[in-house]
Amino acid sequence: MNIKNKKAFSLIEILISVTVLTVVLLGIISGYIGCLKINEMSKSTTIATEDARRIIEQMNSYAVTSINDILNENWTTWAANNGLNTLDSEVITVTYIDKDGTGDPLDDDPLEIQITVSWIDGQRARSLIVGTLITVR
């Protein structure tokens, strides 16, 4: 029986193919894990955007009568009481921008408002800033 007539893979060929397969699988798994992280970050950003939008909608409902209603509301407490703090360590801050520099944002029409939503995403601090203008109708 002649060994050269046998058609089979040698040990070297098998080791090379297993190495190539391992490298390809590691690349695919790494890409999949990266996609999962991006997906989670996108989900958190969408939730933060929705939280800011809900505060703006509530402010718009107050602006029908008076801007004082907006300034007198504690928006951090309002957000917590209305289920907006769902992200890890989420903090919502509302800032009123004094455009004319008088120190009183009440005399500005429209009132410029900046909403900052901050949270921890994995091990990284993230924040989203949304601005809007509100006037009495």
N, C-alpha and C. Protein backbone atom coordinates (compact mmCIF):
# COMPACT_ATOMS: atom_id res chain seq x y z
N MET A 1 0.83 -1.17 0.00
CA MET A 1 0.00 0.00 0.00
C MET A 1 0.88 1.24 0.00
N ASN A 2 0.62 2.11 -0.91
CA ASN A 2 1.41 3.31 -1.08
C ASN A 2 0.76 4.46 -0.33
N ILE A 3 1.53 5.13 0.56
CA ILE A 3 1.00 6.24 1.37
C ILE A 3 0.73 7.46 0.51
N LYS A 4 1.45 7.65 -0.54
CA LYS A 4 1.28 8.83 -1.38
C LYS A 4 -0.06 8.82 -2.13
N ASN A 5 -0.68 7.72 -2.29
CA ASN A 5 -1.96 7.64 -3.00
C ASN A 5 -3.14 8.02 -2.11
N LYS A 6 -2.96 8.10 -0.82
CA LYS A 6 -4.05 8.45 0.07
C LYS A 6 -4.33 9.95 -0.04
N LYS A 7 -5.60 10.27 -0.06
CA LYS A 7 -6.00 11.67 -0.14
C LYS A 7 -6.61 12.05 1.20
N ALA A 8 -5.85 12.75 2.03
CA ALA A 8 -6.31 13.19 3.35
C ALA A 8 -5.58 14.46 3.70
N PHE A 9 -6.11 15.14 4.70
CA PHE A 9 -5.47 16.37 5.17
C PHE A 9 -4.35 16.03 6.14
N SER A 10 -3.28 16.76 6.02
CA SER A 10 -2.19 16.57 6.97
C SER A 10 -2.47 17.36 8.23
N LEU A 11 -1.75 17.10 9.26
CA LEU A 11 -1.93 17.80 10.54
C LEU A 11 -1.66 19.29 10.38
N ILE A 12 -0.70 19.66 9.59
CA ILE A 12 -0.37 21.06 9.35
C ILE A 12 -1.54 21.77 8.67
N GLU A 13 -2.13 21.17 7.68
CA GLU A 13 -3.27 21.77 6.98
C GLU A 13 -4.46 21.97 7.93
N ILE A 14 -4.69 21.02 8.77
CA ILE A 14 -5.79 21.15 9.74
C ILE A 14 -5.51 22.27 10.73
N LEU A 15 -4.31 22.37 11.23
CA LEU A 15 -3.95 23.43 12.17
C LEU A 15 -4.08 24.81 11.53
N ILE A 16 -3.67 24.95 10.29
CA ILE A 16 -3.79 26.23 9.59
C ILE A 16 -5.26 26.59 9.40
N SER A 17 -6.08 25.64 9.01
CA SER A 17 -7.50 25.95 8.80
C SER A 17 -8.20 26.28 10.12
N VAL A 18 -7.85 25.62 11.19
CA VAL A 18 -8.43 25.95 12.51
C VAL A 18 -7.99 27.34 12.95
N THR A 19 -6.75 27.71 12.69
CA THR A 19 -6.26 29.04 13.04
C THR A 19 -7.00 30.12 12.25
N VAL A 20 -7.17 29.92 10.97
CA VAL A 20 -7.90 30.88 10.13
C VAL A 20 -9.36 30.99 10.61
N LEU A 21 -9.98 29.88 10.88
CA LEU A 21 -11.36 29.87 11.37
C LEU A 21 -11.48 30.61 12.70
N THR A 22 -10.52 30.42 13.58
CA THR A 22 -10.52 31.11 14.89
C THR A 22 -10.40 32.62 14.71
N VAL A 23 -9.52 33.06 13.83
CA VAL A 23 -9.36 34.49 13.59
C VAL A 23 -10.64 35.09 13.02
N VAL A 24 -11.26 34.41 12.09
CA VAL A 24 -12.51 34.89 11.49
C VAL A 24 -13.62 34.95 12.53
N LEU A 25 -13.76 33.92 13.34
CA LEU A 25 -14.79 33.92 14.39
C LEU A 25 -14.56 35.01 15.43
N LEU A 26 -13.31 35.24 15.80
CA LEU A 26 -13.02 36.32 16.75
C LEU A 26 -13.41 37.68 16.18
N GLY A 27 -13.17 37.88 14.90
CA GLY A 27 -13.58 39.13 14.26
C GLY A 27 -15.09 39.30 14.24
N ILE A 28 -15.80 38.24 13.94
CA ILE A 28 -17.27 38.30 13.92
C ILE A 28 -17.82 38.56 15.31
N ILE A 29 -17.29 37.88 16.31
CA ILE A 29 -17.76 38.08 17.69
C ILE A 29 -17.45 39.49 18.16
N SER A 30 -16.28 39.99 17.85
CA SER A 30 -15.91 41.36 18.23
C SER A 30 -16.86 42.38 17.59
N GLY A 31 -17.17 42.18 16.33
CA GLY A 31 -18.12 43.07 15.65
C GLY A 31 -19.50 42.99 16.28
N TYR A 32 -19.94 41.82 16.65
CA TYR A 32 -21.25 41.64 17.28
C TYR A 32 -21.30 42.35 18.63
N ILE A 33 -20.26 42.21 19.43
CA ILE A 33 -20.21 42.88 20.74
C ILE A 33 -20.21 44.40 20.55
N GLY A 34 -19.48 44.89 19.56
CA GLY A 34 -19.48 46.32 19.26
C GLY A 34 -20.87 46.81 18.88
N CYS A 35 -21.58 46.03 18.09
CA CYS A 35 -22.96 46.40 17.70
C CYS A 35 -23.87 46.43 18.91
N LEU A 36 -23.72 45.50 19.83
CA LEU A 36 -24.53 45.50 21.05
C LEU A 36 -24.28 46.75 21.89
N LYS A 37 -23.03 47.16 22.00
CA LYS A 37 -22.70 48.37 22.77
C LYS A 37 -23.29 49.62 22.10
N ILE A 38 -23.19 49.71 20.81
CA ILE A 38 -23.76 50.85 20.08
C ILE A 38 -25.27 50.86 20.22
N ASN A 39 -25.89 49.70 20.18
CA ASN A 39 -27.33 49.60 20.33
C ASN A 39 -27.77 50.08 21.72
N GLU A 40 -27.04 49.69 22.76
CA GLU A 40 -27.37 50.12 24.13
C GLU A 40 -27.18 51.63 24.29
N MET A 41 -26.12 52.17 23.71
CA MET A 41 -25.89 53.60 23.78
C MET A 41 -26.99 54.37 23.04
N SER A 42 -27.41 53.86 21.91
CA SER A 42 -28.49 54.49 21.15
C SER A 42 -29.80 54.44 21.92
N LYS A 43 -30.06 53.34 22.58
CA LYS A 43 -31.28 53.21 23.40
C LYS A 43 -31.27 54.24 24.53
N SER A 44 -30.15 54.38 25.21
CA SER A 44 -30.04 55.35 26.31
C SER A 44 -30.22 56.78 25.81
N THR A 45 -29.64 57.09 24.66
CA THR A 45 -29.78 58.44 24.09
C THR A 45 -31.23 58.71 23.70
N THR A 46 -31.91 57.71 23.18
CA THR A 46 -33.32 57.86 22.83
C THR A 46 -34.17 58.10 24.07
N ILE A 47 -33.90 57.39 25.16
CA ILE A 47 -34.64 57.58 26.41
C ILE A 47 -34.38 58.99 26.95
N ALA A 48 -33.12 59.43 26.92
CA ALA A 48 -32.78 60.78 27.41
C ALA A 48 -33.47 61.85 26.57
N THR A 49 -33.51 61.67 25.27
CA THR A 49 -34.19 62.62 24.38
C THR A 49 -35.68 62.66 24.69
N GLU A 50 -36.27 61.51 24.92
CA GLU A 50 -37.69 61.44 25.24
C GLU A 50 -37.98 62.11 26.59
N ASP A 51 -37.09 61.95 27.56
CA ASP A 51 -37.27 62.61 28.86
C ASP A 51 -37.24 64.13 28.69
N ALA A 52 -36.30 64.63 27.92
CA ALA A 52 -36.22 66.08 27.67
C ALA A 52 -37.46 66.56 26.92
N ARG A 53 -37.93 65.78 25.96
CA ARG A 53 -39.12 66.15 25.21
C ARG A 53 -40.35 66.23 26.11
N ARG A 54 -40.47 65.29 27.05
CA ARG A 54 -41.63 65.32 27.95
C ARG A 54 -41.61 66.56 28.84
N ILE A 55 -40.42 66.97 29.28
CA ILE A 55 -40.33 68.20 30.08
C ILE A 55 -40.72 69.40 29.24
N ILE A 56 -40.24 69.46 28.00
CA ILE A 56 -40.60 70.58 27.11
C ILE A 56 -42.10 70.61 26.87
N GLU A 57 -42.71 69.46 26.67
CA GLU A 57 -44.17 69.41 26.48
C GLU A 57 -44.90 69.92 27.71
N GLN A 58 -44.43 69.56 28.89
CA GLN A 58 -45.06 70.06 30.12
C GLN A 58 -44.87 71.57 30.23
N MET A 59 -43.70 72.07 29.88
CA MET A 59 -43.46 73.51 29.90
C MET A 59 -44.39 74.22 28.93
N ASN A 60 -44.59 73.65 27.76
CA ASN A 60 -45.49 74.25 26.77
C ASN A 60 -46.92 74.33 27.30
N SER A 61 -47.32 73.34 28.07
CA SER A 61 -48.68 73.40 28.63
C SER A 61 -48.77 74.50 29.69
N TYR A 62 -47.68 74.79 30.41
CA TYR A 62 -47.66 75.89 31.38
C TYR A 62 -47.61 77.25 30.69
N ALA A 63 -46.94 77.33 29.55
CA ALA A 63 -46.71 78.62 28.90
C ALA A 63 -47.99 79.26 28.38
N VAL A 64 -49.06 78.51 28.37
CA VAL A 64 -50.34 79.08 27.93
C VAL A 64 -50.74 80.23 28.85
N THR A 65 -50.47 80.09 30.15
CA THR A 65 -50.90 81.10 31.11
C THR A 65 -49.79 82.05 31.52
N SER A 66 -48.64 81.50 31.94
CA SER A 66 -47.59 82.38 32.45
C SER A 66 -46.24 81.66 32.43
N ILE A 67 -45.21 82.43 32.13
CA ILE A 67 -43.85 81.90 32.18
C ILE A 67 -43.45 81.65 33.63
N ASN A 68 -44.07 82.37 34.57
CA ASN A 68 -43.76 82.16 36.00
C ASN A 68 -44.01 80.71 36.41
N ASP A 69 -45.04 80.09 35.83
CA ASP A 69 -45.32 78.69 36.16
C ASP A 69 -44.13 77.79 35.82
N ILE A 70 -43.47 78.09 34.70
CA ILE A 70 -42.31 77.31 34.29
C ILE A 70 -41.15 77.53 35.27
N LEU A 71 -40.92 78.79 35.63
CA LEU A 71 -39.80 79.11 36.50
C LEU A 71 -40.01 78.61 37.93
N ASN A 72 -41.25 78.52 38.37
CA ASN A 72 -41.53 78.09 39.74
C ASN A 72 -41.53 76.58 39.91
N GLU A 73 -41.60 75.85 38.83
CA GLU A 73 -41.62 74.38 38.91
C GLU A 73 -40.22 73.84 39.17
N ASN A 74 -40.10 72.87 40.08
CA ASN A 74 -38.84 72.16 40.30
C ASN A 74 -38.84 70.98 39.32
N TRP A 75 -38.15 71.14 38.21
CA TRP A 75 -38.22 70.16 37.13
C TRP A 75 -37.51 68.86 37.47
N THR A 76 -36.51 68.91 38.33
CA THR A 76 -35.85 67.67 38.76
C THR A 76 -36.83 66.80 39.54
N THR A 77 -37.59 67.43 40.46
CA THR A 77 -38.60 66.70 41.22
C THR A 77 -39.73 66.24 40.31
N TRP A 78 -40.15 67.11 39.40
CA TRP A 78 -41.22 66.75 38.47
C TRP A 78 -40.83 65.52 37.65
N ALA A 79 -39.58 65.51 37.18
CA ALA A 79 -39.10 64.38 36.38
C ALA A 79 -39.11 63.09 37.19
N ALA A 80 -38.65 63.17 38.43
CA ALA A 80 -38.62 61.98 39.29
C ALA A 80 -40.03 61.48 39.60
N ASN A 81 -40.97 62.40 39.83
CA ASN A 81 -42.34 62.02 40.15
C ASN A 81 -43.11 61.48 38.95
N ASN A 82 -42.65 61.78 37.75
CA ASN A 82 -43.35 61.34 36.54
C ASN A 82 -42.61 60.22 35.81
N GLY A 83 -41.71 59.56 36.49
CA GLY A 83 -41.06 58.37 35.93
C GLY A 83 -40.04 58.63 34.85
N LEU A 84 -39.41 59.80 34.86
CA LEU A 84 -38.45 60.11 33.81
C LEU A 84 -37.03 59.65 34.15
N ASN A 85 -36.74 59.36 35.40
CA ASN A 85 -35.38 58.98 35.79
C ASN A 85 -35.19 57.47 35.70
N THR A 86 -35.22 56.95 34.47
CA THR A 86 -35.10 55.51 34.28
C THR A 86 -33.69 55.05 33.90
N LEU A 87 -32.86 55.97 33.49
CA LEU A 87 -31.48 55.61 33.14
C LEU A 87 -30.64 55.51 34.41
N ASP A 88 -29.52 54.82 34.32
CA ASP A 88 -28.63 54.64 35.47
C ASP A 88 -28.04 55.99 35.90
N SER A 89 -28.31 56.38 37.14
CA SER A 89 -27.83 57.65 37.72
C SER A 89 -28.27 58.86 36.90
N GLU A 90 -29.48 58.84 36.38
CA GLU A 90 -29.98 59.93 35.54
C GLU A 90 -30.27 61.18 36.37
N VAL A 91 -29.79 62.30 35.90
CA VAL A 91 -30.04 63.60 36.52
C VAL A 91 -30.51 64.55 35.41
N ILE A 92 -31.63 65.23 35.68
CA ILE A 92 -32.17 66.19 34.72
C ILE A 92 -32.04 67.58 35.32
N THR A 93 -31.41 68.49 34.56
CA THR A 93 -31.21 69.86 35.01
C THR A 93 -31.82 70.81 33.99
N VAL A 94 -32.56 71.79 34.48
CA VAL A 94 -33.16 72.81 33.62
C VAL A 94 -32.50 74.14 33.93
N THR A 95 -32.00 74.81 32.88
CA THR A 95 -31.33 76.09 33.03
C THR A 95 -32.06 77.12 32.18
N TYR A 96 -32.27 78.30 32.75
CA TYR A 96 -32.91 79.40 32.02
C TYR A 96 -31.82 80.37 31.59
N ILE A 97 -31.75 80.63 30.32
CA ILE A 97 -30.70 81.48 29.75
C ILE A 97 -31.19 82.92 29.73
N ASP A 98 -30.39 83.81 30.33
CA ASP A 98 -30.71 85.24 30.33
C ASP A 98 -30.04 85.84 29.10
N LYS A 99 -30.81 86.03 28.03
CA LYS A 99 -30.25 86.48 26.76
C LYS A 99 -29.82 87.95 26.78
N ASP A 100 -30.55 88.78 27.52
CA ASP A 100 -30.21 90.21 27.49
C ASP A 100 -29.24 90.63 28.59
N GLY A 101 -28.83 89.70 29.45
CA GLY A 101 -27.81 89.98 30.45
C GLY A 101 -28.27 90.79 31.65
N THR A 102 -29.57 90.90 31.89
CA THR A 102 -30.07 91.67 33.03
C THR A 102 -30.05 90.87 34.33
N GLY A 103 -29.84 89.56 34.26
CA GLY A 103 -29.86 88.72 35.44
C GLY A 103 -31.23 88.14 35.73
N ASP A 104 -32.21 88.50 34.93
CA ASP A 104 -33.58 88.02 35.12
C ASP A 104 -34.09 87.43 33.81
N PRO A 105 -34.17 86.09 33.74
CA PRO A 105 -34.65 85.50 32.49
C PRO A 105 -36.14 85.75 32.25
N LEU A 106 -36.87 86.20 33.27
CA LEU A 106 -38.30 86.46 33.11
C LEU A 106 -38.60 87.58 32.12
N ASP A 107 -37.67 88.52 31.99
CA ASP A 107 -37.94 89.64 31.08
C ASP A 107 -37.63 89.31 29.62
N ASP A 108 -37.16 88.10 29.37
CA ASP A 108 -36.87 87.68 28.00
C ASP A 108 -38.12 87.04 27.39
N ASP A 109 -38.45 87.47 26.20
CA ASP A 109 -39.55 86.84 25.49
C ASP A 109 -39.11 86.62 24.04
N PRO A 110 -38.89 85.43 23.61
CA PRO A 110 -39.20 84.16 24.27
C PRO A 110 -38.13 83.78 25.30
N LEU A 111 -38.54 82.94 26.25
CA LEU A 111 -37.65 82.43 27.29
C LEU A 111 -36.83 81.29 26.71
N GLU A 112 -35.49 81.42 26.82
CA GLU A 112 -34.61 80.36 26.31
C GLU A 112 -34.33 79.38 27.44
N ILE A 113 -34.56 78.11 27.18
CA ILE A 113 -34.42 77.06 28.18
C ILE A 113 -33.47 76.00 27.66
N GLN A 114 -32.62 75.52 28.57
CA GLN A 114 -31.68 74.45 28.23
C GLN A 114 -31.91 73.30 29.21
N ILE A 115 -32.18 72.12 28.67
CA ILE A 115 -32.41 70.93 29.49
C ILE A 115 -31.22 69.99 29.29
N THR A 116 -30.59 69.62 30.40
CA THR A 116 -29.46 68.71 30.36
C THR A 116 -29.85 67.41 31.03
N VAL A 117 -29.71 66.32 30.32
CA VAL A 117 -29.96 64.99 30.88
C VAL A 117 -28.60 64.29 30.95
N SER A 118 -28.20 63.91 32.16
CA SER A 118 -26.92 63.22 32.37
C SER A 118 -27.19 61.84 32.95
N TRP A 119 -26.37 60.87 32.54
CA TRP A 119 -26.53 59.51 33.05
C TRP A 119 -25.22 58.75 32.87
N ILE A 120 -25.15 57.57 33.50
CA ILE A 120 -23.99 56.70 33.36
C ILE A 120 -24.36 55.58 32.39
N ASP A 121 -23.56 55.42 31.35
CA ASP A 121 -23.79 54.39 30.34
C ASP A 121 -22.62 53.42 30.42
N GLY A 122 -22.84 52.29 31.08
CA GLY A 122 -21.75 51.36 31.32
C GLY A 122 -20.84 51.94 32.38
N GLN A 123 -19.65 52.31 32.01
CA GLN A 123 -18.71 52.95 32.94
C GLN A 123 -18.41 54.38 32.52
N ARG A 124 -19.21 54.90 31.60
CA ARG A 124 -18.93 56.21 31.02
C ARG A 124 -20.06 57.19 31.29
N ALA A 125 -19.70 58.40 31.67
CA ALA A 125 -20.71 59.45 31.89
C ALA A 125 -21.13 60.02 30.54
N ARG A 126 -22.42 60.16 30.37
CA ARG A 126 -22.97 60.72 29.13
C ARG A 126 -23.92 61.84 29.47
N SER A 127 -24.12 62.74 28.53
CA SER A 127 -25.10 63.80 28.73
C SER A 127 -25.67 64.23 27.39
N LEU A 128 -26.88 64.75 27.46
CA LEU A 128 -27.59 65.24 26.29
C LEU A 128 -28.13 66.61 26.64
N ILE A 129 -27.91 67.59 25.79
CA ILE A 129 -28.39 68.95 26.03
C ILE A 129 -29.38 69.31 24.94
N VAL A 130 -30.57 69.74 25.38
CA VAL A 130 -31.63 70.13 24.46
C VAL A 130 -32.03 71.55 24.80
N GLY A 131 -32.14 72.40 23.80
CA GLY A 131 -32.55 73.78 24.02
C GLY A 131 -33.87 74.07 23.33
N THR A 132 -34.62 75.00 23.91
CA THR A 132 -35.89 75.39 23.32
C THR A 132 -36.20 76.84 23.69
N LEU A 133 -37.11 77.42 22.96
CA LEU A 133 -37.61 78.75 23.24
C LEU A 133 -39.11 78.64 23.55
N ILE A 134 -39.55 79.26 24.63
CA ILE A 134 -40.97 79.21 25.00
C ILE A 134 -41.46 80.62 25.23
N THR A 135 -42.64 80.90 24.74
CA THR A 135 -43.27 82.21 24.92
C THR A 135 -44.72 82.02 25.36
N VAL A 136 -45.27 83.05 25.98
CA VAL A 136 -46.66 83.00 26.36
C VAL A 136 -47.50 83.17 25.11
N ARG A 137 -48.52 82.33 24.97
CA ARG A 137 -49.36 82.42 23.78
C ARG A 137 -50.55 83.29 24.04
